[in-house]
Amino acid sequence: MELSSPDQPEAVPPSGWLATSSNILRWIEDILNDLAGWIILGVMALGVLEVISRSLFNRPIPGQISIIELSLAAIAFLGLSHCQRNDNHIRMTLLTGRLTGRTRHIISIAMLFVGLATLSLLTWSTFTSSFLPAWSIGDVTTGGVRIPVWPTKLLVPAMLTLVCLRILVTLIQKIRVDQDVPWSDAE
């Protein structure tokens, strides 16, 4: 069996409960990624309508700036887990690019642990220090149209939780195939 690169977590297909978990996550990630695309389209349409409304009728769309600002968090975070699944993050491979075999695999596992720990702390922090206060005081945008801010602030820890679950599935998968990874590519 030819093993995948440690940078391609889905190349070795998981089995059993891990496959079920991965498939459920994949389904959710695909839907959320598509939703992010539709939100981008909506923001672009709103921008065009704003220009037309100002140019032709000299009337701005009320709350347009607030809607776009709140949409940016959704655009950025809805596709994050999808990006993690497909390993599409920007990375610096100056050191890891020179590693091979088991050494590279072990470093990859260690970095997943670091990422999981970091994102878990960020998830907790954004939930407790951003969402909870906004929700408890009923935070809204300023201006003529008052839009609740808490849904956007809840979206961030929710999407970070999804990324943590994806990293956990990837981590378990990599640990399960660890014994099959040779120490060097020559083996």
N, C-alpha and C. Protein backbone atom coordinates (compact mmCIF):
# COMPACT_ATOMS: atom_id res chain seq x y z
N MET A 1 0.84 -1.18 0.00
CA MET A 1 0.00 0.00 0.00
C MET A 1 0.88 1.23 0.00
N GLU A 2 0.65 2.12 -0.95
CA GLU A 2 1.42 3.34 -1.04
C GLU A 2 0.82 4.37 -0.10
N LEU A 3 1.66 4.91 0.77
CA LEU A 3 1.17 5.87 1.75
C LEU A 3 1.21 7.28 1.19
N SER A 4 0.34 8.09 1.72
CA SER A 4 0.26 9.48 1.27
C SER A 4 1.30 10.33 1.96
N SER A 5 1.46 11.51 1.44
CA SER A 5 2.29 12.50 2.09
C SER A 5 1.59 12.91 3.38
N PRO A 6 2.34 13.24 4.44
CA PRO A 6 1.69 13.71 5.66
C PRO A 6 0.91 14.99 5.46
N ASP A 7 1.18 15.70 4.38
CA ASP A 7 0.46 16.94 4.11
C ASP A 7 -0.87 16.70 3.42
N GLN A 8 -1.20 15.44 3.14
CA GLN A 8 -2.47 15.10 2.50
C GLN A 8 -3.24 14.13 3.40
N PRO A 9 -3.96 14.68 4.40
CA PRO A 9 -4.59 13.83 5.41
C PRO A 9 -5.67 12.92 4.88
N GLU A 10 -6.31 13.27 3.78
CA GLU A 10 -7.41 12.45 3.28
C GLU A 10 -6.95 11.41 2.27
N ALA A 11 -5.64 11.34 1.97
CA ALA A 11 -5.17 10.42 0.94
C ALA A 11 -5.31 8.97 1.38
N VAL A 12 -5.15 8.68 2.67
CA VAL A 12 -5.39 7.34 3.18
C VAL A 12 -6.80 7.34 3.74
N PRO A 13 -7.73 6.62 3.10
CA PRO A 13 -9.12 6.72 3.54
C PRO A 13 -9.34 6.13 4.93
N PRO A 14 -10.06 6.85 5.78
CA PRO A 14 -10.37 6.32 7.10
C PRO A 14 -11.43 5.22 6.98
N SER A 15 -11.59 4.46 8.06
CA SER A 15 -12.59 3.39 8.05
C SER A 15 -13.40 3.44 9.34
N GLY A 16 -14.55 2.75 9.34
CA GLY A 16 -15.39 2.64 10.53
C GLY A 16 -15.96 3.97 10.99
N TRP A 17 -15.94 4.16 12.31
CA TRP A 17 -16.50 5.37 12.90
C TRP A 17 -15.75 6.61 12.45
N LEU A 18 -14.46 6.46 12.15
CA LEU A 18 -13.67 7.59 11.68
C LEU A 18 -14.15 8.04 10.30
N ALA A 19 -14.48 7.08 9.46
CA ALA A 19 -15.00 7.41 8.12
C ALA A 19 -16.36 8.09 8.24
N THR A 20 -17.21 7.59 9.13
CA THR A 20 -18.52 8.20 9.33
C THR A 20 -18.37 9.64 9.83
N SER A 21 -17.50 9.83 10.82
CA SER A 21 -17.25 11.18 11.34
C SER A 21 -16.72 12.10 10.26
N SER A 22 -15.78 11.60 9.49
CA SER A 22 -15.18 12.40 8.42
C SER A 22 -16.21 12.76 7.35
N ASN A 23 -17.07 11.81 7.02
CA ASN A 23 -18.11 12.07 6.01
C ASN A 23 -19.14 13.09 6.48
N ILE A 24 -19.52 13.00 7.75
CA ILE A 24 -20.46 13.97 8.31
C ILE A 24 -19.82 15.36 8.29
N LEU A 25 -18.57 15.45 8.73
CA LEU A 25 -17.85 16.72 8.70
C LEU A 25 -17.72 17.25 7.28
N ARG A 26 -17.42 16.34 6.35
CA ARG A 26 -17.27 16.73 4.94
C ARG A 26 -18.58 17.34 4.41
N TRP A 27 -19.70 16.72 4.75
CA TRP A 27 -21.00 17.20 4.30
C TRP A 27 -21.27 18.60 4.87
N ILE A 28 -21.01 18.79 6.17
CA ILE A 28 -21.22 20.10 6.81
C ILE A 28 -20.28 21.14 6.21
N GLU A 29 -19.01 20.76 6.03
CA GLU A 29 -18.01 21.69 5.48
C GLU A 29 -18.38 22.13 4.07
N ASP A 30 -18.84 21.21 3.26
CA ASP A 30 -19.23 21.55 1.89
C ASP A 30 -20.41 22.53 1.87
N ILE A 31 -21.39 22.29 2.73
CA ILE A 31 -22.54 23.19 2.80
C ILE A 31 -22.11 24.58 3.27
N LEU A 32 -21.28 24.64 4.31
CA LEU A 32 -20.85 25.93 4.83
C LEU A 32 -19.96 26.67 3.84
N ASN A 33 -19.12 25.94 3.12
CA ASN A 33 -18.27 26.56 2.11
C ASN A 33 -19.13 27.15 0.98
N ASP A 34 -20.15 26.41 0.56
CA ASP A 34 -21.07 26.92 -0.46
C ASP A 34 -21.82 28.15 0.07
N LEU A 35 -22.22 28.10 1.33
CA LEU A 35 -22.91 29.24 1.94
C LEU A 35 -22.01 30.48 1.93
N ALA A 36 -20.72 30.29 2.22
CA ALA A 36 -19.78 31.43 2.17
C ALA A 36 -19.74 32.02 0.77
N GLY A 37 -19.74 31.17 -0.24
CA GLY A 37 -19.76 31.66 -1.62
C GLY A 37 -21.02 32.46 -1.93
N TRP A 38 -22.17 31.98 -1.46
CA TRP A 38 -23.43 32.70 -1.68
C TRP A 38 -23.43 34.03 -0.94
N ILE A 39 -22.82 34.06 0.24
CA ILE A 39 -22.74 35.32 0.99
C ILE A 39 -21.87 36.32 0.24
N ILE A 40 -20.77 35.84 -0.33
CA ILE A 40 -19.92 36.72 -1.15
C ILE A 40 -20.73 37.31 -2.31
N LEU A 41 -21.50 36.46 -2.96
CA LEU A 41 -22.35 36.92 -4.06
C LEU A 41 -23.36 37.96 -3.57
N GLY A 42 -23.96 37.71 -2.41
CA GLY A 42 -24.91 38.66 -1.84
C GLY A 42 -24.27 39.99 -1.48
N VAL A 43 -23.07 39.96 -0.93
CA VAL A 43 -22.36 41.19 -0.59
C VAL A 43 -22.03 41.98 -1.85
N MET A 44 -21.61 41.26 -2.89
CA MET A 44 -21.33 41.95 -4.16
C MET A 44 -22.60 42.58 -4.73
N ALA A 45 -23.70 41.86 -4.68
CA ALA A 45 -24.97 42.39 -5.19
C ALA A 45 -25.41 43.60 -4.37
N LEU A 46 -25.24 43.52 -3.06
CA LEU A 46 -25.59 44.66 -2.20
C LEU A 46 -24.73 45.87 -2.54
N GLY A 47 -23.45 45.65 -2.80
CA GLY A 47 -22.57 46.75 -3.19
C GLY A 47 -23.00 47.39 -4.50
N VAL A 48 -23.37 46.56 -5.47
CA VAL A 48 -23.84 47.09 -6.76
C VAL A 48 -25.13 47.87 -6.56
N LEU A 49 -26.07 47.31 -5.79
CA LEU A 49 -27.33 48.01 -5.52
C LEU A 49 -27.09 49.34 -4.81
N GLU A 50 -26.12 49.35 -3.91
CA GLU A 50 -25.79 50.59 -3.20
C GLU A 50 -25.30 51.66 -4.18
N VAL A 51 -24.43 51.27 -5.09
CA VAL A 51 -23.92 52.23 -6.08
C VAL A 51 -25.05 52.73 -6.97
N ILE A 52 -25.90 51.82 -7.42
CA ILE A 52 -27.04 52.21 -8.27
C ILE A 52 -27.99 53.12 -7.51
N SER A 53 -28.29 52.76 -6.27
CA SER A 53 -29.22 53.54 -5.46
C SER A 53 -28.68 54.95 -5.19
N ARG A 54 -27.40 55.05 -4.91
CA ARG A 54 -26.80 56.37 -4.68
C ARG A 54 -26.73 57.19 -5.97
N SER A 55 -26.36 56.53 -7.06
CA SER A 55 -26.17 57.25 -8.32
C SER A 55 -27.49 57.71 -8.93
N LEU A 56 -28.46 56.81 -9.00
CA LEU A 56 -29.70 57.13 -9.69
C LEU A 56 -30.72 57.86 -8.81
N PHE A 57 -30.80 57.47 -7.56
CA PHE A 57 -31.87 57.99 -6.70
C PHE A 57 -31.36 58.86 -5.56
N ASN A 58 -30.02 58.97 -5.45
CA ASN A 58 -29.40 59.74 -4.37
C ASN A 58 -29.87 59.26 -2.99
N ARG A 59 -30.08 57.95 -2.87
CA ARG A 59 -30.54 57.35 -1.61
C ARG A 59 -29.68 56.14 -1.29
N PRO A 60 -28.94 56.18 -0.21
CA PRO A 60 -28.15 55.00 0.18
C PRO A 60 -29.05 53.91 0.75
N ILE A 61 -28.55 52.70 0.74
CA ILE A 61 -29.28 51.59 1.36
C ILE A 61 -28.97 51.61 2.85
N PRO A 62 -29.98 51.77 3.69
CA PRO A 62 -29.75 51.84 5.14
C PRO A 62 -29.12 50.55 5.67
N GLY A 63 -28.08 50.70 6.48
CA GLY A 63 -27.44 49.54 7.11
C GLY A 63 -26.53 48.75 6.21
N GLN A 64 -26.28 49.22 5.01
CA GLN A 64 -25.47 48.48 4.04
C GLN A 64 -24.06 48.22 4.57
N ILE A 65 -23.44 49.22 5.15
CA ILE A 65 -22.08 49.06 5.68
C ILE A 65 -22.06 48.03 6.81
N SER A 66 -23.03 48.09 7.70
CA SER A 66 -23.09 47.13 8.82
C SER A 66 -23.30 45.71 8.32
N ILE A 67 -24.14 45.55 7.33
CA ILE A 67 -24.40 44.22 6.77
C ILE A 67 -23.12 43.65 6.17
N ILE A 68 -22.40 44.46 5.43
CA ILE A 68 -21.15 43.99 4.82
C ILE A 68 -20.12 43.68 5.89
N GLU A 69 -20.00 44.53 6.90
CA GLU A 69 -19.04 44.28 7.98
C GLU A 69 -19.34 42.96 8.68
N LEU A 70 -20.59 42.71 9.00
CA LEU A 70 -20.95 41.48 9.69
C LEU A 70 -20.79 40.26 8.79
N SER A 71 -20.97 40.46 7.49
CA SER A 71 -20.83 39.36 6.54
C SER A 71 -19.38 38.91 6.39
N LEU A 72 -18.44 39.81 6.63
CA LEU A 72 -17.03 39.47 6.45
C LEU A 72 -16.59 38.32 7.37
N ALA A 73 -17.10 38.31 8.59
CA ALA A 73 -16.76 37.21 9.50
C ALA A 73 -17.28 35.88 8.96
N ALA A 74 -18.48 35.90 8.43
CA ALA A 74 -19.05 34.67 7.86
C ALA A 74 -18.24 34.22 6.66
N ILE A 75 -17.87 35.16 5.80
CA ILE A 75 -17.08 34.81 4.62
C ILE A 75 -15.75 34.20 5.02
N ALA A 76 -15.11 34.77 6.03
CA ALA A 76 -13.79 34.29 6.45
C ALA A 76 -13.86 32.95 7.18
N PHE A 77 -14.86 32.74 8.01
CA PHE A 77 -14.85 31.58 8.90
C PHE A 77 -15.67 30.38 8.39
N LEU A 78 -16.64 30.59 7.53
CA LEU A 78 -17.46 29.46 7.08
C LEU A 78 -16.66 28.43 6.28
N GLY A 79 -15.65 28.87 5.54
CA GLY A 79 -14.86 27.95 4.73
C GLY A 79 -13.59 27.45 5.40
N LEU A 80 -13.37 27.81 6.66
CA LEU A 80 -12.12 27.48 7.33
C LEU A 80 -11.90 25.97 7.48
N SER A 81 -12.90 25.25 7.90
CA SER A 81 -12.76 23.80 8.07
C SER A 81 -12.60 23.10 6.73
N HIS A 82 -13.29 23.59 5.71
CA HIS A 82 -13.14 23.04 4.36
C HIS A 82 -11.69 23.20 3.89
N CYS A 83 -11.14 24.35 4.19
CA CYS A 83 -9.74 24.63 3.84
C CYS A 83 -8.80 23.68 4.59
N GLN A 84 -9.08 23.43 5.86
CA GLN A 84 -8.26 22.51 6.65
C GLN A 84 -8.36 21.09 6.10
N ARG A 85 -9.55 20.67 5.75
CA ARG A 85 -9.75 19.33 5.20
C ARG A 85 -8.94 19.13 3.92
N ASN A 86 -8.94 20.12 3.05
CA ASN A 86 -8.24 20.00 1.77
C ASN A 86 -6.78 20.42 1.85
N ASP A 87 -6.33 20.79 3.05
CA ASP A 87 -4.93 21.17 3.27
C ASP A 87 -4.53 22.32 2.36
N ASN A 88 -5.37 23.34 2.30
CA ASN A 88 -5.14 24.48 1.41
C ASN A 88 -4.58 25.71 2.11
N HIS A 89 -4.09 25.55 3.33
CA HIS A 89 -3.54 26.69 4.06
C HIS A 89 -2.18 27.07 3.51
N ILE A 90 -1.86 28.33 3.66
CA ILE A 90 -0.52 28.80 3.29
C ILE A 90 0.44 28.28 4.36
N ARG A 91 1.57 27.79 3.93
CA ARG A 91 2.53 27.24 4.89
C ARG A 91 3.95 27.59 4.48
N MET A 92 4.81 27.59 5.47
CA MET A 92 6.23 27.80 5.24
C MET A 92 6.89 26.43 5.36
N THR A 93 7.52 25.97 4.30
CA THR A 93 8.09 24.62 4.29
C THR A 93 9.61 24.63 4.21
N LEU A 94 10.21 25.71 4.67
CA LEU A 94 11.66 25.81 4.62
C LEU A 94 12.33 24.64 5.34
N LEU A 95 11.82 24.29 6.52
CA LEU A 95 12.39 23.17 7.28
C LEU A 95 11.68 21.85 6.99
N THR A 96 10.37 21.86 7.05
CA THR A 96 9.63 20.61 6.90
C THR A 96 9.70 20.06 5.48
N GLY A 97 9.94 20.89 4.51
CA GLY A 97 10.06 20.43 3.12
C GLY A 97 11.27 19.54 2.91
N ARG A 98 12.24 19.64 3.78
CA ARG A 98 13.46 18.83 3.66
C ARG A 98 13.35 17.50 4.41
N LEU A 99 12.32 17.36 5.23
CA LEU A 99 12.15 16.13 6.00
C LEU A 99 11.46 15.07 5.14
N THR A 100 11.70 13.81 5.47
CA THR A 100 11.06 12.71 4.75
C THR A 100 10.57 11.65 5.72
N GLY A 101 9.76 10.77 5.21
CA GLY A 101 9.33 9.58 5.95
C GLY A 101 8.69 9.85 7.28
N ARG A 102 9.07 9.01 8.26
CA ARG A 102 8.47 9.06 9.59
C ARG A 102 8.76 10.38 10.31
N THR A 103 9.94 10.94 10.10
CA THR A 103 10.27 12.21 10.75
C THR A 103 9.27 13.29 10.33
N ARG A 104 9.00 13.37 9.05
CA ARG A 104 8.04 14.34 8.55
C ARG A 104 6.64 14.04 9.08
N HIS A 105 6.30 12.77 9.16
CA HIS A 105 4.99 12.35 9.67
C HIS A 105 4.84 12.74 11.14
N ILE A 106 5.85 12.50 11.94
CA ILE A 106 5.80 12.83 13.38
C ILE A 106 5.70 14.34 13.58
N ILE A 107 6.46 15.11 12.80
CA ILE A 107 6.38 16.57 12.89
C ILE A 107 4.97 17.03 12.51
N SER A 108 4.40 16.41 11.49
CA SER A 108 3.05 16.75 11.05
C SER A 108 2.04 16.48 12.18
N ILE A 109 2.18 15.36 12.86
CA ILE A 109 1.29 15.03 13.98
C ILE A 109 1.48 16.04 15.11
N ALA A 110 2.72 16.38 15.41
CA ALA A 110 3.00 17.36 16.47
C ALA A 110 2.37 18.71 16.14
N MET A 111 2.47 19.12 14.89
CA MET A 111 1.89 20.41 14.49
C MET A 111 0.36 20.39 14.56
N LEU A 112 -0.23 19.23 14.27
CA LEU A 112 -1.68 19.12 14.42
C LEU A 112 -2.08 19.26 15.89
N PHE A 113 -1.28 18.67 16.80
CA PHE A 113 -1.55 18.82 18.24
C PHE A 113 -1.45 20.29 18.65
N VAL A 114 -0.42 20.98 18.16
CA VAL A 114 -0.25 22.41 18.47
C VAL A 114 -1.43 23.20 17.91
N GLY A 115 -1.81 22.92 16.68
CA GLY A 115 -2.95 23.61 16.08
C GLY A 115 -4.24 23.37 16.83
N LEU A 116 -4.46 22.12 17.24
CA LEU A 116 -5.67 21.78 17.99
C LEU A 116 -5.70 22.50 19.33
N ALA A 117 -4.58 22.53 20.02
CA ALA A 117 -4.52 23.21 21.32
C ALA A 117 -4.76 24.72 21.14
N THR A 118 -4.13 25.30 20.15
CA THR A 118 -4.27 26.74 19.91
C THR A 118 -5.70 27.09 19.53
N LEU A 119 -6.28 26.34 18.61
CA LEU A 119 -7.65 26.63 18.19
C LEU A 119 -8.66 26.36 19.30
N SER A 120 -8.39 25.39 20.15
CA SER A 120 -9.28 25.14 21.29
C SER A 120 -9.30 26.34 22.23
N LEU A 121 -8.12 26.90 22.48
CA LEU A 121 -8.04 28.11 23.33
C LEU A 121 -8.74 29.30 22.66
N LEU A 122 -8.54 29.44 21.36
CA LEU A 122 -9.21 30.53 20.63
C LEU A 122 -10.72 30.36 20.64
N THR A 123 -11.17 29.12 20.52
CA THR A 123 -12.61 28.85 20.54
C THR A 123 -13.20 29.27 21.88
N TRP A 124 -12.56 28.83 22.95
CA TRP A 124 -13.04 29.16 24.29
C TRP A 124 -13.00 30.68 24.51
N SER A 125 -11.92 31.29 24.11
CA SER A 125 -11.74 32.72 24.30
C SER A 125 -12.78 33.53 23.52
N THR A 126 -13.00 33.19 22.27
CA THR A 126 -13.97 33.95 21.48
C THR A 126 -15.40 33.74 21.99
N PHE A 127 -15.67 32.55 22.52
CA PHE A 127 -17.01 32.30 23.05
C PHE A 127 -17.24 33.10 24.32
N THR A 128 -16.27 33.05 25.25
CA THR A 128 -16.48 33.69 26.56
C THR A 128 -16.26 35.19 26.55
N SER A 129 -15.31 35.68 25.75
CA SER A 129 -15.01 37.11 25.82
C SER A 129 -15.63 37.92 24.69
N SER A 130 -16.16 37.27 23.68
CA SER A 130 -16.76 38.02 22.57
C SER A 130 -18.26 37.75 22.47
N PHE A 131 -18.63 36.47 22.30
CA PHE A 131 -20.04 36.16 22.11
C PHE A 131 -20.88 36.40 23.37
N LEU A 132 -20.48 35.83 24.50
CA LEU A 132 -21.30 35.93 25.71
C LEU A 132 -21.60 37.38 26.13
N PRO A 133 -20.60 38.27 26.16
CA PRO A 133 -20.94 39.66 26.50
C PRO A 133 -21.88 40.31 25.48
N ALA A 134 -21.64 40.06 24.18
CA ALA A 134 -22.51 40.65 23.15
C ALA A 134 -23.94 40.13 23.28
N TRP A 135 -24.08 38.88 23.59
CA TRP A 135 -25.41 38.28 23.73
C TRP A 135 -26.11 38.78 24.99
N SER A 136 -25.35 38.86 26.09
CA SER A 136 -25.98 39.25 27.36
C SER A 136 -26.42 40.71 27.37
N ILE A 137 -25.71 41.60 26.67
CA ILE A 137 -26.12 43.00 26.66
C ILE A 137 -26.97 43.34 25.45
N GLY A 138 -27.16 42.40 24.54
CA GLY A 138 -27.95 42.66 23.35
C GLY A 138 -27.27 43.63 22.40
N ASP A 139 -25.97 43.43 22.20
CA ASP A 139 -25.17 44.32 21.36
C ASP A 139 -25.73 44.40 19.93
N VAL A 140 -25.83 45.61 19.42
CA VAL A 140 -26.32 45.86 18.07
C VAL A 140 -25.37 46.84 17.38
N THR A 141 -25.48 46.90 16.05
CA THR A 141 -24.66 47.85 15.29
C THR A 141 -25.15 49.27 15.52
N THR A 142 -24.26 50.22 15.28
CA THR A 142 -24.65 51.62 15.41
C THR A 142 -25.21 52.11 14.07
N GLY A 143 -25.88 53.21 14.10
CA GLY A 143 -26.43 53.77 12.86
C GLY A 143 -27.94 53.66 12.83
N GLY A 144 -28.48 53.95 11.66
CA GLY A 144 -29.93 53.97 11.48
C GLY A 144 -30.58 52.59 11.63
N VAL A 145 -29.91 51.57 11.13
CA VAL A 145 -30.45 50.21 11.22
C VAL A 145 -29.66 49.47 12.30
N ARG A 146 -30.36 48.98 13.28
CA ARG A 146 -29.70 48.30 14.40
C ARG A 146 -29.78 46.79 14.18
N ILE A 147 -28.64 46.20 13.86
CA ILE A 147 -28.56 44.76 13.57
C ILE A 147 -27.87 44.08 14.75
N PRO A 148 -28.42 42.99 15.27
CA PRO A 148 -27.76 42.28 16.37
C PRO A 148 -26.38 41.76 15.93
N VAL A 149 -25.41 41.91 16.82
CA VAL A 149 -24.03 41.52 16.54
C VAL A 149 -23.75 40.10 17.02
N TRP A 150 -24.50 39.63 18.01
CA TRP A 150 -24.18 38.35 18.63
C TRP A 150 -24.20 37.16 17.68
N PRO A 151 -25.04 37.10 16.63
CA PRO A 151 -24.97 35.93 15.74
C PRO A 151 -23.61 35.80 15.05
N THR A 152 -23.04 36.93 14.65
CA THR A 152 -21.72 36.89 14.03
C THR A 152 -20.66 36.49 15.04
N LYS A 153 -20.81 36.97 16.26
CA LYS A 153 -19.85 36.63 17.30
C LYS A 153 -19.99 35.18 17.76
N LEU A 154 -21.14 34.58 17.54
CA LEU A 154 -21.32 33.15 17.82
C LEU A 154 -20.76 32.30 16.68
N LEU A 155 -20.83 32.83 15.48
CA LEU A 155 -20.33 32.11 14.31
C LEU A 155 -18.85 31.79 14.43
N VAL A 156 -18.06 32.70 14.97
CA VAL A 156 -16.61 32.50 15.05
C VAL A 156 -16.26 31.30 15.92
N PRO A 157 -16.71 31.20 17.18
CA PRO A 157 -16.36 30.00 17.95
C PRO A 157 -17.00 28.72 17.39
N ALA A 158 -18.16 28.85 16.76
CA ALA A 158 -18.79 27.66 16.16
C ALA A 158 -17.94 27.11 15.03
N MET A 159 -17.43 27.98 14.18
CA MET A 159 -16.60 27.53 13.06
C MET A 159 -15.23 27.07 13.54
N LEU A 160 -14.70 27.69 14.59
CA LEU A 160 -13.45 27.21 15.17
C LEU A 160 -13.62 25.82 15.78
N THR A 161 -14.79 25.57 16.35
CA THR A 161 -15.08 24.23 16.88
C THR A 161 -15.09 23.21 15.75
N LEU A 162 -15.67 23.57 14.63
CA LEU A 162 -15.69 22.67 13.48
C LEU A 162 -14.27 22.37 12.98
N VAL A 163 -13.42 23.39 12.95
CA VAL A 163 -12.03 23.18 12.55
C VAL A 163 -11.33 22.26 13.55
N CYS A 164 -11.60 22.44 14.83
CA CYS A 164 -11.02 21.55 15.86
C CYS A 164 -11.45 20.11 15.63
N LEU A 165 -12.71 19.90 15.29
CA LEU A 165 -13.19 18.54 15.01
C LEU A 165 -12.49 17.96 13.78
N ARG A 166 -12.30 18.78 12.74
CA ARG A 166 -11.60 18.31 11.54
C ARG A 166 -10.16 17.96 11.86
N ILE A 167 -9.48 18.79 12.65
CA ILE A 167 -8.10 18.50 13.03
C ILE A 167 -8.05 17.22 13.86
N LEU A 168 -9.01 17.03 14.76
CA LEU A 168 -9.04 15.83 15.58
C LEU A 168 -9.20 14.57 14.72
N VAL A 169 -10.10 14.61 13.74
CA VAL A 169 -10.28 13.47 12.84
C VAL A 169 -9.00 13.20 12.06
N THR A 170 -8.37 14.26 11.55
CA THR A 170 -7.12 14.12 10.81
C THR A 170 -6.02 13.57 11.70
N LEU A 171 -5.97 14.05 12.92
CA LEU A 171 -4.96 13.60 13.88
C LEU A 171 -5.12 12.11 14.19
N ILE A 172 -6.32 11.68 14.45
CA ILE A 172 -6.57 10.26 14.73
C ILE A 172 -6.19 9.42 13.52
N GLN A 173 -6.54 9.90 12.35
CA GLN A 173 -6.20 9.18 11.12
C GLN A 173 -4.70 9.05 10.95
N LYS A 174 -3.97 10.14 11.19
CA LYS A 174 -2.51 10.10 11.04
C LYS A 174 -1.86 9.20 12.09
N ILE A 175 -2.38 9.22 13.30
CA ILE A 175 -1.82 8.36 14.35
C ILE A 175 -2.08 6.89 14.02
N ARG A 176 -3.23 6.59 13.44
CA ARG A 176 -3.56 5.21 13.08
C ARG A 176 -2.64 4.66 12.00
N VAL A 177 -2.20 5.50 11.06
CA VAL A 177 -1.31 5.02 10.00
C VAL A 177 0.17 5.21 10.34
N ASP A 178 0.46 5.73 11.53
CA ASP A 178 1.83 6.02 11.93
C ASP A 178 2.75 4.81 11.83
N GLN A 179 2.29 3.64 12.23
CA GLN A 179 3.15 2.46 12.21
C GLN A 179 3.50 2.01 10.79
N ASP A 180 2.75 2.44 9.80
CA ASP A 180 3.02 2.05 8.42
C ASP A 180 3.95 3.02 7.70
N VAL A 181 4.28 4.15 8.34
CA VAL A 181 5.12 5.15 7.69
C VAL A 181 6.59 4.79 7.91
N PRO A 182 7.37 4.60 6.83
CA PRO A 182 8.79 4.28 6.98
C PRO A 182 9.58 5.50 7.45
N TRP A 183 10.77 5.25 8.01
CA TRP A 183 11.60 6.34 8.50
C TRP A 183 12.14 7.20 7.37
N SER A 184 12.32 6.63 6.21
CA SER A 184 12.79 7.43 5.08
C SER A 184 11.99 7.01 3.85
N ASP A 185 12.08 7.83 2.81
CA ASP A 185 11.35 7.51 1.58
C ASP A 185 11.97 6.35 0.83
N ALA A 186 13.21 5.99 1.17
CA ALA A 186 13.91 4.91 0.46
C ALA A 186 13.43 3.53 0.91
N GLU A 187 12.81 3.44 2.08
CA GLU A 187 12.37 2.14 2.60
C GLU A 187 11.16 1.62 1.88
